[in-house]
Amino acid sequence: MLSMVESVDIFWHEGDDKALTSVNSDNVVLKDFFEIQGWQSVHEMSKCVATHKTFDESGRGFEFKIRENEAVVEVYTDSGYALLQESAFISLMLYLFELLIAGANDNHHTIRYEPWWQAFIEYMYQIQDQIH
């Protein structure tokens, strides 16, 4: 499971409001999932990671599970699903959220003035606390 996470590289897609990230990965599910298209789902996604709840948006999402006494997360897209260790998933999501915040800040993006932005940052801090 962990080798899949190590093969996921997420990059800020500068100057594009539609495709926020680009991803290099041999795993098509993880590539599809981490290529974030627009800001509309970012807040809800961060809330679900912070509170370990299921997230689903148009057949793309994740679900926290226990399999064989191990905490895992099933990530899914239209391409299928990938099973990741919970700690590895949370680390990847934290990286994603930090990347989005840094990208928005660096580009002085107006999204930072949306009513949900501060809550998004608070959820990111809750996720950081789960790792440290």
Protein backbone atom coordinates (compact mmCIF):
# COMPACT_ATOMS: atom_id res chain seq x y z
CA MET A 1 0.00 0.00 0.00
CA LEU A 2 2.68 2.53 0.96
CA SER A 3 4.57 2.25 -2.33
CA MET A 4 1.59 3.83 -4.11
CA VAL A 5 1.79 6.89 -1.87
CA GLU A 6 5.49 7.29 -2.49
CA SER A 7 4.77 7.40 -6.21
CA VAL A 8 2.37 10.38 -5.99
CA ASP A 9 3.82 13.80 -6.79
CA ILE A 10 1.39 16.72 -6.54
CA PHE A 11 2.18 20.14 -8.02
CA TRP A 12 0.42 23.51 -7.89
CA HIS A 13 -0.90 24.33 -11.35
CA GLU A 14 -0.05 28.02 -11.28
CA GLY A 15 -2.34 30.52 -12.93
CA ASP A 16 -5.20 28.14 -13.63
CA ASP A 17 -8.43 28.40 -11.63
CA LYS A 18 -9.88 25.30 -13.23
CA ALA A 19 -7.08 22.77 -12.68
CA LEU A 20 -5.52 23.61 -9.32
CA THR A 21 -3.05 20.73 -9.27
CA SER A 22 -1.23 18.43 -11.62
CA VAL A 23 -0.13 14.97 -10.51
CA ASN A 24 2.52 12.48 -11.51
CA SER A 25 1.63 8.93 -10.51
CA ASP A 26 1.57 5.50 -12.06
CA ASN A 27 -1.66 4.82 -10.18
CA VAL A 28 -4.50 6.20 -12.31
CA VAL A 29 -6.93 6.40 -9.36
CA LEU A 30 -4.55 8.48 -7.24
CA LYS A 31 -3.64 10.63 -10.24
CA ASP A 32 -7.33 11.32 -10.95
CA PHE A 33 -8.19 11.93 -7.31
CA PHE A 34 -5.38 14.38 -6.52
CA GLU A 35 -5.86 16.41 -9.73
CA ILE A 36 -8.12 19.00 -8.12
CA GLN A 37 -10.49 20.67 -10.56
CA GLY A 38 -11.63 23.96 -9.05
CA TRP A 39 -12.11 25.14 -5.50
CA GLN A 40 -15.72 23.99 -5.00
CA SER A 41 -14.94 20.77 -3.09
CA VAL A 42 -11.78 21.78 -1.18
CA HIS A 43 -13.52 22.94 2.00
CA GLU A 44 -15.77 19.87 2.31
CA MET A 45 -12.86 17.57 1.49
CA SER A 46 -10.72 19.11 4.26
CA LYS A 47 -13.60 18.82 6.74
CA CYS A 48 -14.04 15.12 5.93
CA VAL A 49 -10.31 14.40 6.32
CA ALA A 50 -10.13 16.28 9.64
CA THR A 51 -13.18 14.46 11.04
CA HIS A 52 -12.53 11.07 9.33
CA LYS A 53 -15.83 11.13 7.45
CA THR A 54 -16.67 9.82 4.01
CA PHE A 55 -16.31 12.30 1.14
CA ASP A 56 -18.01 11.82 -2.21
CA GLU A 57 -18.38 14.22 -5.10
CA SER A 58 -19.72 12.85 -8.37
CA GLY A 59 -18.19 9.40 -7.93
CA ARG A 60 -14.84 10.69 -6.67
CA GLY A 61 -13.99 10.47 -2.99
CA PHE A 62 -12.68 8.52 -0.05
CA GLU A 63 -13.90 6.45 2.87
CA PHE A 64 -12.15 5.68 6.16
CA LYS A 65 -12.30 1.94 6.99
CA ILE A 66 -10.86 -0.77 9.21
CA ARG A 67 -9.53 -3.78 7.29
CA GLU A 68 -7.86 -6.67 9.09
CA ASN A 69 -7.46 -4.48 12.21
CA GLU A 70 -5.68 -1.78 10.20
CA ALA A 71 -6.92 1.78 9.65
CA VAL A 72 -7.09 2.36 5.89
CA VAL A 73 -8.70 4.76 3.46
CA GLU A 74 -10.30 3.68 0.22
CA VAL A 75 -9.80 6.37 -2.42
CA TYR A 76 -12.00 6.05 -5.48
CA THR A 77 -12.70 7.65 -8.83
CA ASP A 78 -14.43 6.51 -12.01
CA SER A 79 -11.18 4.64 -12.74
CA GLY A 80 -11.50 2.32 -9.73
CA TYR A 81 -10.16 2.46 -6.19
CA ALA A 82 -6.90 2.42 -4.27
CA LEU A 83 -6.45 1.35 -0.65
CA LEU A 84 -4.00 3.41 1.42
CA GLN A 85 -2.85 3.27 5.02
CA GLU A 86 -4.76 5.95 6.93
CA SER A 87 -1.59 7.72 8.10
CA ALA A 88 -0.20 7.84 4.55
CA PHE A 89 -3.50 9.18 3.19
CA ILE A 90 -3.68 11.90 5.86
CA SER A 91 -0.08 12.92 5.11
CA LEU A 92 -0.86 13.20 1.40
CA MET A 93 -4.00 15.22 2.07
CA LEU A 94 -2.11 17.55 4.40
CA TYR A 95 0.48 18.07 1.68
CA LEU A 96 -2.32 18.79 -0.82
CA PHE A 97 -4.02 21.34 1.45
CA GLU A 98 -0.74 23.08 2.33
CA LEU A 99 0.06 23.24 -1.39
CA LEU A 100 -3.33 24.79 -2.19
CA ILE A 101 -2.98 27.37 0.59
CA ALA A 102 0.56 28.29 -0.45
CA GLY A 103 -0.48 28.52 -4.09
CA ALA A 104 -3.45 30.75 -3.29
CA ASN A 105 -1.27 32.96 -1.09
CA ASP A 106 1.59 33.19 -3.57
CA ASN A 107 -0.80 34.13 -6.37
CA HIS A 108 -2.83 36.53 -4.17
CA HIS A 109 -5.89 34.55 -5.20
CA THR A 110 -9.29 36.05 -4.35
CA ILE A 111 -10.45 32.63 -3.10
CA ARG A 112 -8.79 33.57 0.20
CA TYR A 113 -11.65 36.01 0.83
CA GLU A 114 -14.41 33.43 0.49
CA PRO A 115 -16.43 32.83 3.70
CA TRP A 116 -15.29 29.19 3.94
CA TRP A 117 -11.53 29.87 3.56
CA GLN A 118 -10.79 30.36 7.27
CA ALA A 119 -12.65 27.14 8.16
CA PHE A 120 -10.59 25.34 5.50
CA ILE A 121 -7.39 26.56 7.17
CA GLU A 122 -8.70 25.48 10.59
CA TYR A 123 -9.38 21.97 9.25
CA MET A 124 -5.86 21.89 7.84
CA TYR A 125 -4.53 22.65 11.35
CA GLN A 126 -6.65 19.81 12.78
CA ILE A 127 -5.13 17.48 10.19
CA GLN A 128 -1.62 18.67 11.14
CA ASP A 129 -2.40 17.84 14.78
CA GLN A 130 -3.31 14.27 13.77
CA ILE A 131 0.14 13.76 12.28
CA HIS A 132 2.29 15.45 14.94
